[in-house]
Amino acid sequence: MAQPNAPQPSAPHFASPPRSPEPGGPDIPAPAESPDSPPTPVEEPGLPDNGPDIPPPGPDMPEILPGNAPQELPPDSLPPPVEAPPQI
């Protein structure tokens, strides 16, 4: 059993990493462009963002646009409800 007044060994001291004065950490510099790579395209600031590039529907799929969403299934196309088992 350890004695309550026994000196405790000190924990090893690890050097703390340098801290950035700004919250969120330091800015990561942009990679240098290679002279062989094509120039980075510049987006036009006035153009609206059209969202992700979604491929058109296949030949068997209807094209769904705003306003022509498919209707819900009619009630007669659903299977009949399951009856509860009889109580004994």
PDB file of N, CA and C in Angstrom:
ATOM      1  N   MET A   1       0.848  -1.179   0.000  1.00  0.00           N
ATOM      2  CA  MET A   1       0.000   0.000   0.000  1.00  0.00           C
ATOM      3  C   MET A   1       0.893   1.241   0.000  1.00  0.00           C
ATOM      4  N   ALA A   2       0.542   2.220  -0.799  1.00  0.00           N
ATOM      5  CA  ALA A   2       1.380   3.416  -0.920  1.00  0.00           C
ATOM      6  C   ALA A   2       1.161   4.326   0.274  1.00  0.00           C
ATOM      7  N   GLN A   3       2.222   4.987   0.636  1.00  0.00           N
ATOM      8  CA  GLN A   3       2.118   5.925   1.751  1.00  0.00           C
ATOM      9  C   GLN A   3       1.497   7.229   1.251  1.00  0.00           C
ATOM     10  N   PRO A   4       0.601   7.837   2.033  1.00  0.00           N
ATOM     11  CA  PRO A   4      -0.073   9.041   1.542  1.00  0.00           C
ATOM     12  C   PRO A   4       0.854  10.229   1.363  1.00  0.00           C
ATOM     13  N   ASN A   5       1.944  10.324   2.083  1.00  0.00           N
ATOM     14  CA  ASN A   5       2.834  11.476   1.969  1.00  0.00           C
ATOM     15  C   ASN A   5       4.051  11.194   1.100  1.00  0.00           C
ATOM     16  N   ALA A   6       4.063  10.044   0.414  1.00  0.00           N
ATOM     17  CA  ALA A   6       5.212   9.698  -0.423  1.00  0.00           C
ATOM     18  C   ALA A   6       5.245  10.636  -1.630  1.00  0.00           C
ATOM     19  N   PRO A   7       6.439  11.069  -2.052  1.00  0.00           N
ATOM     20  CA  PRO A   7       6.515  11.952  -3.230  1.00  0.00           C
ATOM     21  C   PRO A   7       6.087  11.201  -4.488  1.00  0.00           C
ATOM     22  N   GLN A   8       5.331  11.873  -5.309  1.00  0.00           N
ATOM     23  CA  GLN A   8       4.856  11.282  -6.557  1.00  0.00           C
ATOM     24  C   GLN A   8       5.869  11.584  -7.657  1.00  0.00           C
ATOM     25  N   PRO A   9       6.142  10.593  -8.524  1.00  0.00           N
ATOM     26  CA  PRO A   9       7.053  10.888  -9.643  1.00  0.00           C
ATOM     27  C   PRO A   9       6.381  11.884 -10.588  1.00  0.00           C
ATOM     28  N   SER A  10       7.165  12.794 -11.085  1.00  0.00           N
ATOM     29  CA  SER A  10       6.593  13.807 -11.976  1.00  0.00           C
ATOM     30  C   SER A  10       6.334  13.199 -13.350  1.00  0.00           C
ATOM     31  N   ALA A  11       5.314  13.670 -13.976  1.00  0.00           N
ATOM     32  CA  ALA A  11       4.969  13.196 -15.311  1.00  0.00           C
ATOM     33  C   ALA A  11       5.985  13.747 -16.302  1.00  0.00           C
ATOM     34  N   PRO A  12       6.259  12.992 -17.367  1.00  0.00           N
ATOM     35  CA  PRO A  12       7.207  13.512 -18.361  1.00  0.00           C
ATOM     36  C   PRO A  12       6.645  14.780 -19.001  1.00  0.00           C
ATOM     37  N   HIS A  13       7.510  15.706 -19.283  1.00  0.00           N
ATOM     38  CA  HIS A  13       7.089  16.973 -19.880  1.00  0.00           C
ATOM     39  C   HIS A  13       7.143  16.853 -21.401  1.00  0.00           C
ATOM     40  N   PHE A  14       6.006  17.043 -22.006  1.00  0.00           N
ATOM     41  CA  PHE A  14       5.941  17.033 -23.462  1.00  0.00           C
ATOM     42  C   PHE A  14       5.818  18.478 -23.924  1.00  0.00           C
ATOM     43  N   ALA A  15       6.584  18.815 -24.947  1.00  0.00           N
ATOM     44  CA  ALA A  15       6.517  20.177 -25.476  1.00  0.00           C
ATOM     45  C   ALA A  15       5.157  20.374 -26.134  1.00  0.00           C
ATOM     46  N   SER A  16       4.486  21.440 -25.776  1.00  0.00           N
ATOM     47  CA  SER A  16       3.185  21.703 -26.387  1.00  0.00           C
ATOM     48  C   SER A  16       3.417  22.346 -27.752  1.00  0.00           C
ATOM     49  N   PRO A  17       2.549  22.030 -28.717  1.00  0.00           N
ATOM     50  CA  PRO A  17       2.730  22.615 -30.047  1.00  0.00           C
ATOM     51  C   PRO A  17       2.468  24.114 -29.993  1.00  0.00           C
ATOM     52  N   PRO A  18       3.081  24.859 -30.882  1.00  0.00           N
ATOM     53  CA  PRO A  18       2.831  26.304 -30.888  1.00  0.00           C
ATOM     54  C   PRO A  18       1.366  26.569 -31.210  1.00  0.00           C
ATOM     55  N   ARG A  19       0.791  27.525 -30.544  1.00  0.00           N
ATOM     56  CA  ARG A  19      -0.619  27.836 -30.730  1.00  0.00           C
ATOM     57  C   ARG A  19      -0.763  29.038 -31.649  1.00  0.00           C
ATOM     58  N   SER A  20      -1.808  28.992 -32.422  1.00  0.00           N
ATOM     59  CA  SER A  20      -2.100  30.100 -33.322  1.00  0.00           C
ATOM     60  C   SER A  20      -2.850  31.177 -32.542  1.00  0.00           C
ATOM     61  N   PRO A  21      -2.576  32.448 -32.796  1.00  0.00           N
ATOM     62  CA  PRO A  21      -3.317  33.484 -32.085  1.00  0.00           C
ATOM     63  C   PRO A  21      -4.770  33.587 -32.540  1.00  0.00           C
ATOM     64  N   GLU A  22      -5.091  33.027 -33.716  1.00  0.00           N
ATOM     65  CA  GLU A  22      -6.450  33.126 -34.232  1.00  0.00           C
ATOM     66  C   GLU A  22      -7.236  31.874 -33.864  1.00  0.00           C
ATOM     67  N   PRO A  23      -8.516  32.014 -33.550  1.00  0.00           N
ATOM     68  CA  PRO A  23      -9.306  30.812 -33.287  1.00  0.00           C
ATOM     69  C   PRO A  23      -9.482  30.012 -34.566  1.00  0.00           C
ATOM     70  N   GLY A  24      -9.479  28.709 -34.446  1.00  0.00           N
ATOM     71  CA  GLY A  24      -9.653  27.866 -35.618  1.00  0.00           C
ATOM     72  C   GLY A  24      -8.349  27.397 -36.217  1.00  0.00           C
ATOM     73  N   GLY A  25      -7.239  27.840 -35.732  1.00  0.00           N
ATOM     74  CA  GLY A  25      -5.960  27.347 -36.222  1.00  0.00           C
ATOM     75  C   GLY A  25      -5.393  28.202 -37.334  1.00  0.00           C
ATOM     76  N   PRO A  26      -4.190  27.868 -37.745  1.00  0.00           N
ATOM     77  CA  PRO A  26      -3.538  28.667 -38.788  1.00  0.00           C
ATOM     78  C   PRO A  26      -4.153  28.400 -40.154  1.00  0.00           C
ATOM     79  N   ASP A  27      -4.026  29.363 -41.020  1.00  0.00           N
ATOM     80  CA  ASP A  27      -4.487  29.175 -42.391  1.00  0.00           C
ATOM     81  C   ASP A  27      -3.517  28.260 -43.117  1.00  0.00           C
ATOM     82  N   ILE A  28      -4.070  27.354 -43.906  1.00  0.00           N
ATOM     83  CA  ILE A  28      -3.235  26.447 -44.689  1.00  0.00           C
ATOM     84  C   ILE A  28      -2.948  27.142 -46.013  1.00  0.00           C
ATOM     85  N   PRO A  29      -1.678  27.301 -46.358  1.00  0.00           N
ATOM     86  CA  PRO A  29      -1.379  27.999 -47.613  1.00  0.00           C
ATOM     87  C   PRO A  29      -1.824  27.170 -48.813  1.00  0.00           C
ATOM     88  N   ALA A  30      -2.211  27.855 -49.871  1.00  0.00           N
ATOM     89  CA  ALA A  30      -2.620  27.176 -51.089  1.00  0.00           C
ATOM     90  C   ALA A  30      -1.399  26.537 -51.740  1.00  0.00           C
ATOM     91  N   PRO A  31      -1.579  25.369 -52.359  1.00  0.00           N
ATOM     92  CA  PRO A  31      -0.433  24.733 -53.007  1.00  0.00           C
ATOM     93  C   PRO A  31       0.033  25.561 -54.204  1.00  0.00           C
ATOM     94  N   ALA A  32       1.317  25.532 -54.424  1.00  0.00           N
ATOM     95  CA  ALA A  32       1.876  26.264 -55.562  1.00  0.00           C
ATOM     96  C   ALA A  32       1.469  25.553 -56.844  1.00  0.00           C
ATOM     97  N   GLU A  33       1.053  26.326 -57.828  1.00  0.00           N
ATOM     98  CA  GLU A  33       0.630  25.717 -59.082  1.00  0.00           C
ATOM     99  C   GLU A  33       1.849  25.339 -59.910  1.00  0.00           C
ATOM    100  N   SER A  34       1.736  24.186 -60.529  1.00  0.00           N
ATOM    101  CA  SER A  34       2.815  23.710 -61.381  1.00  0.00           C
ATOM    102  C   SER A  34       2.758  24.477 -62.704  1.00  0.00           C
ATOM    103  N   PRO A  35       3.907  24.794 -63.283  1.00  0.00           N
ATOM    104  CA  PRO A  35       3.866  25.490 -64.584  1.00  0.00           C
ATOM    105  C   PRO A  35       3.272  24.615 -65.681  1.00  0.00           C
ATOM    106  N   ASP A  36       3.252  23.285 -65.481  1.00  0.00           N
ATOM    107  CA  ASP A  36       2.706  22.386 -66.497  1.00  0.00           C
ATOM    108  C   ASP A  36       1.190  22.238 -66.388  1.00  0.00           C
ATOM    109  N   SER A  37       0.612  22.609 -65.251  1.00  0.00           N
ATOM    110  CA  SER A  37      -0.825  22.416 -65.070  1.00  0.00           C
ATOM    111  C   SER A  37      -1.595  23.544 -65.747  1.00  0.00           C
ATOM    112  N   PRO A  38      -2.840  23.246 -66.178  1.00  0.00           N
ATOM    113  CA  PRO A  38      -3.642  24.318 -66.788  1.00  0.00           C
ATOM    114  C   PRO A  38      -4.028  25.334 -65.722  1.00  0.00           C
ATOM    115  N   PRO A  39      -4.298  26.558 -66.110  1.00  0.00           N
ATOM    116  CA  PRO A  39      -4.667  27.572 -65.109  1.00  0.00           C
ATOM    117  C   PRO A  39      -5.988  27.204 -64.433  1.00  0.00           C
ATOM    118  N   THR A  40      -6.113  27.615 -63.212  1.00  0.00           N
ATOM    119  CA  THR A  40      -7.330  27.355 -62.456  1.00  0.00           C
ATOM    120  C   THR A  40      -8.457  28.204 -63.028  1.00  0.00           C
ATOM    121  N   PRO A  41      -9.625  27.575 -63.331  1.00  0.00           N
ATOM    122  CA  PRO A  41     -10.722  28.383 -63.885  1.00  0.00           C
ATOM    123  C   PRO A  41     -11.249  29.354 -62.838  1.00  0.00           C
ATOM    124  N   VAL A  42     -11.601  30.532 -63.289  1.00  0.00           N
ATOM    125  CA  VAL A  42     -12.127  31.564 -62.400  1.00  0.00           C
ATOM    126  C   VAL A  42     -13.629  31.634 -62.630  1.00  0.00           C
ATOM    127  N   GLU A  43     -14.399  31.527 -61.549  1.00  0.00           N
ATOM    128  CA  GLU A  43     -15.851  31.577 -61.683  1.00  0.00           C
ATOM    129  C   GLU A  43     -16.313  33.016 -61.845  1.00  0.00           C
ATOM    130  N   GLU A  44     -17.321  33.182 -62.670  1.00  0.00           N
ATOM    131  CA  GLU A  44     -17.917  34.499 -62.859  1.00  0.00           C
ATOM    132  C   GLU A  44     -18.734  34.826 -61.610  1.00  0.00           C
ATOM    133  N   PRO A  45     -18.509  35.970 -60.983  1.00  0.00           N
ATOM    134  CA  PRO A  45     -19.251  36.271 -59.752  1.00  0.00           C
ATOM    135  C   PRO A  45     -20.734  36.538 -59.976  1.00  0.00           C
ATOM    136  N   GLY A  46     -21.154  36.916 -61.174  1.00  0.00           N
ATOM    137  CA  GLY A  46     -22.549  37.252 -61.416  1.00  0.00           C
ATOM    138  C   GLY A  46     -23.420  36.065 -61.779  1.00  0.00           C
ATOM    139  N   LEU A  47     -22.840  34.893 -62.050  1.00  0.00           N
ATOM    140  CA  LEU A  47     -23.635  33.750 -62.472  1.00  0.00           C
ATOM    141  C   LEU A  47     -24.234  33.034 -61.264  1.00  0.00           C
ATOM    142  N   PRO A  48     -25.513  32.606 -61.357  1.00  0.00           N
ATOM    143  CA  PRO A  48     -26.108  31.873 -60.234  1.00  0.00           C
ATOM    144  C   PRO A  48     -25.566  30.448 -60.182  1.00  0.00           C
ATOM    145  N   ASP A  49     -25.597  29.866 -58.998  1.00  0.00           N
ATOM    146  CA  ASP A  49     -25.158  28.489 -58.819  1.00  0.00           C
ATOM    147  C   ASP A  49     -26.314  27.579 -59.204  1.00  0.00           C
ATOM    148  N   ASN A  50     -26.098  26.698 -60.176  1.00  0.00           N
ATOM    149  CA  ASN A  50     -27.156  25.803 -60.639  1.00  0.00           C
ATOM    150  C   ASN A  50     -27.243  24.520 -59.826  1.00  0.00           C
ATOM    151  N   GLY A  51     -26.441  24.378 -58.820  1.00  0.00           N
ATOM    152  CA  GLY A  51     -26.485  23.172 -58.002  1.00  0.00           C
ATOM    153  C   GLY A  51     -25.617  22.077 -58.591  1.00  0.00           C
ATOM    154  N   PRO A  52     -25.754  20.859 -58.065  1.00  0.00           N
ATOM    155  CA  PRO A  52     -24.903  19.765 -58.537  1.00  0.00           C
ATOM    156  C   PRO A  52     -25.292  19.336 -59.945  1.00  0.00           C
ATOM    157  N   ASP A  53     -24.334  18.773 -60.653  1.00  0.00           N
ATOM    158  CA  ASP A  53     -24.596  18.258 -61.989  1.00  0.00           C
ATOM    159  C   ASP A  53     -25.284  16.907 -61.848  1.00  0.00           C
ATOM    160  N   ILE A  54     -26.568  16.849 -62.191  1.00  0.00           N
ATOM    161  CA  ILE A  54     -27.343  15.616 -62.092  1.00  0.00           C
ATOM    162  C   ILE A  54     -27.583  15.122 -63.511  1.00  0.00           C
ATOM    163  N   PRO A  55     -27.238  13.860 -63.794  1.00  0.00           N
ATOM    164  CA  PRO A  55     -27.443  13.358 -65.156  1.00  0.00           C
ATOM    165  C   PRO A  55     -28.938  13.270 -65.468  1.00  0.00           C
ATOM    166  N   PRO A  56     -29.305  13.343 -66.750  1.00  0.00           N
ATOM    167  CA  PRO A  56     -30.717  13.238 -67.112  1.00  0.00           C
ATOM    168  C   PRO A  56     -31.229  11.832 -66.801  1.00  0.00           C
ATOM    169  N   PRO A  57     -32.564  11.667 -66.674  1.00  0.00           N
ATOM    170  CA  PRO A  57     -33.093  10.335 -66.382  1.00  0.00           C
ATOM    171  C   PRO A  57     -32.864   9.389 -67.552  1.00  0.00           C
ATOM    172  N   GLY A  58     -32.871   8.100 -67.259  1.00  0.00           N
ATOM    173  CA  GLY A  58     -32.681   7.089 -68.292  1.00  0.00           C
ATOM    174  C   GLY A  58     -33.889   7.020 -69.213  1.00  0.00           C
ATOM    175  N   PRO A  59     -33.828   6.177 -70.255  1.00  0.00           N
ATOM    176  CA  PRO A  59     -34.933   6.123 -71.225  1.00  0.00           C
ATOM    177  C   PRO A  59     -36.236   5.609 -70.607  1.00  0.00           C
ATOM    178  N   ASP A  60     -36.184   4.793 -69.558  1.00  0.00           N
ATOM    179  CA  ASP A  60     -37.399   4.250 -68.951  1.00  0.00           C
ATOM    180  C   ASP A  60     -37.932   5.131 -67.829  1.00  0.00           C
ATOM    181  N   MET A  61     -37.215   6.163 -67.463  1.00  0.00           N
ATOM    182  CA  MET A  61     -37.601   6.982 -66.315  1.00  0.00           C
ATOM    183  C   MET A  61     -38.238   8.288 -66.794  1.00  0.00           C
ATOM    184  N   PRO A  62     -39.367   8.685 -66.169  1.00  0.00           N
ATOM    185  CA  PRO A  62     -39.952   9.975 -66.556  1.00  0.00           C
ATOM    186  C   PRO A  62     -39.112  11.116 -65.997  1.00  0.00           C
ATOM    187  N   GLU A  63     -39.096  12.202 -66.706  1.00  0.00           N
ATOM    188  CA  GLU A  63     -38.357  13.364 -66.223  1.00  0.00           C
ATOM    189  C   GLU A  63     -39.234  14.099 -65.214  1.00  0.00           C
ATOM    190  N   ILE A  64     -38.733  14.244 -64.003  1.00  0.00           N
ATOM    191  CA  ILE A  64     -39.501  14.886 -62.943  1.00  0.00           C
ATOM    192  C   ILE A  64     -38.997  16.313 -62.793  1.00  0.00           C
ATOM    193  N   LEU A  65     -39.869  17.243 -63.069  1.00  0.00           N
ATOM    194  CA  LEU A  65     -39.556  18.659 -62.951  1.00  0.00           C
ATOM    195  C   LEU A  65     -40.459  19.253 -61.879  1.00  0.00           C
ATOM    196  N   PRO A  66     -40.134  20.436 -61.373  1.00  0.00           N
ATOM    197  CA  PRO A  66     -41.044  21.060 -60.410  1.00  0.00           C
ATOM    198  C   PRO A  66     -42.431  21.228 -61.025  1.00  0.00           C
ATOM    199  N   GLY A  67     -43.450  20.749 -60.336  1.00  0.00           N
ATOM    200  CA  GLY A  67     -44.815  20.866 -60.831  1.00  0.00           C
ATOM    201  C   GLY A  67     -45.346  19.600 -61.458  1.00  0.00           C
ATOM    202  N   ASN A  68     -44.475  18.650 -61.858  1.00  0.00           N
ATOM    203  CA  ASN A  68     -44.996  17.406 -62.415  1.00  0.00           C
ATOM    204  C   ASN A  68     -44.478  16.205 -61.622  1.00  0.00           C
ATOM    205  N   ALA A  69     -44.459  16.339 -60.310  1.00  0.00           N
ATOM    206  CA  ALA A  69     -44.026  15.240 -59.449  1.00  0.00           C
ATOM    207  C   ALA A  69     -45.030  14.100 -59.575  1.00  0.00           C
ATOM    208  N   PRO A  70     -44.575  12.856 -59.488  1.00  0.00           N
ATOM    209  CA  PRO A  70     -45.509  11.731 -59.619  1.00  0.00           C
ATOM    210  C   PRO A  70     -46.513  11.717 -58.468  1.00  0.00           C
ATOM    211  N   GLN A  71     -47.724  11.265 -58.781  1.00  0.00           N
ATOM    212  CA  GLN A  71     -48.775  11.186 -57.771  1.00  0.00           C
ATOM    213  C   GLN A  71     -48.495  10.025 -56.826  1.00  0.00           C
ATOM    214  N   GLU A  72     -49.099  10.094 -55.648  1.00  0.00           N
ATOM    215  CA  GLU A  72     -48.974   8.998 -54.697  1.00  0.00           C
ATOM    216  C   GLU A  72     -49.710   7.780 -55.253  1.00  0.00           C
ATOM    217  N   LEU A  73     -49.371   6.614 -54.731  1.00  0.00           N
ATOM    218  CA  LEU A  73     -50.049   5.398 -55.161  1.00  0.00           C
ATOM    219  C   LEU A  73     -51.519   5.461 -54.764  1.00  0.00           C
ATOM    220  N   PRO A  74     -52.418   4.998 -55.645  1.00  0.00           N
ATOM    221  CA  PRO A  74     -53.833   4.975 -55.260  1.00  0.00           C
ATOM    222  C   PRO A  74     -54.057   3.942 -54.154  1.00  0.00           C
ATOM    223  N   PRO A  75     -55.080   4.140 -53.312  1.00  0.00           N
ATOM    224  CA  PRO A  75     -55.290   3.212 -52.188  1.00  0.00           C
ATOM    225  C   PRO A  75     -55.512   1.772 -52.620  1.00  0.00           C
ATOM    226  N   ASP A  76     -56.116   1.541 -53.815  1.00  0.00           N
ATOM    227  CA  ASP A  76     -56.384   0.155 -54.216  1.00  0.00           C
ATOM    228  C   ASP A  76     -55.125  -0.580 -54.666  1.00  0.00           C
ATOM    229  N   SER A  77     -54.004   0.111 -54.835  1.00  0.00           N
ATOM    230  CA  SER A  77     -52.777  -0.570 -55.245  1.00  0.00           C
ATOM    231  C   SER A  77     -51.973  -1.076 -54.052  1.00  0.00           C
ATOM    232  N   LEU A  78     -52.430  -0.744 -52.833  1.00  0.00           N
ATOM    233  CA  LEU A  78     -51.726  -1.188 -51.635  1.00  0.00           C
ATOM    234  C   LEU A  78     -52.255  -2.548 -51.198  1.00  0.00           C
ATOM    235  N   PRO A  79     -51.427  -3.374 -50.561  1.00  0.00           N
ATOM    236  CA  PRO A  79     -51.920  -4.675 -50.085  1.00  0.00           C
ATOM    237  C   PRO A  79     -52.933  -4.469 -48.961  1.00  0.00           C
ATOM    238  N   PRO A  80     -53.802  -5.474 -48.737  1.00  0.00           N
ATOM    239  CA  PRO A  80     -54.792  -5.315 -47.661  1.00  0.00           C
ATOM    240  C   PRO A  80     -54.102  -5.263 -46.306  1.00  0.00           C
ATOM    241  N   PRO A  81     -54.694  -4.569 -45.342  1.00  0.00           N
ATOM    242  CA  PRO A  81     -54.069  -4.493 -44.017  1.00  0.00           C
ATOM    243  C   PRO A  81     -54.063  -5.860 -43.341  1.00  0.00           C
ATOM    244  N   VAL A  82     -53.080  -6.090 -42.510  1.00  0.00           N
ATOM    245  CA  VAL A  82     -52.955  -7.356 -41.794  1.00  0.00           C
ATOM    246  C   VAL A  82     -53.878  -7.305 -40.583  1.00  0.00           C
ATOM    247  N   GLU A  83     -54.648  -8.379 -40.417  1.00  0.00           N
ATOM    248  CA  GLU A  83     -55.559  -8.432 -39.275  1.00  0.00           C
ATOM    249  C   GLU A  83     -54.804  -8.880 -38.040  1.00  0.00           C
ATOM    250  N   ALA A  84     -55.207  -8.368 -36.902  1.00  0.00           N
ATOM    251  CA  ALA A  84     -54.581  -8.760 -35.641  1.00  0.00           C
ATOM    252  C   ALA A  84     -54.962 -10.203 -35.321  1.00  0.00           C
ATOM    253  N   PRO A  85     -54.063 -10.983 -34.717  1.00  0.00           N
ATOM    254  CA  PRO A  85     -54.410 -12.372 -34.367  1.00  0.00           C
ATOM    255  C   PRO A  85     -55.509 -12.382 -33.300  1.00  0.00           C
ATOM    256  N   PRO A  86     -56.332 -13.427 -33.307  1.00  0.00           N
ATOM    257  CA  PRO A  86     -57.418 -13.478 -32.309  1.00  0.00           C
ATOM    258  C   PRO A  86     -56.865 -13.596 -30.894  1.00  0.00           C
ATOM    259  N   GLN A  87     -57.567 -12.975 -29.956  1.00  0.00           N
ATOM    260  CA  GLN A  87     -57.165 -13.033 -28.551  1.00  0.00           C
ATOM    261  C   GLN A  87     -57.641 -14.346 -27.952  1.00  0.00           C
ATOM    262  N   ILE A  88     -56.819 -14.968 -27.165  1.00  0.00           N
ATOM    263  CA  ILE A  88     -57.183 -16.251 -26.538  1.00  0.00           C
ATOM    264  C   ILE A  88     -57.688 -16.014 -25.140  1.00  0.00           C
TER     265      ILE A  88
END
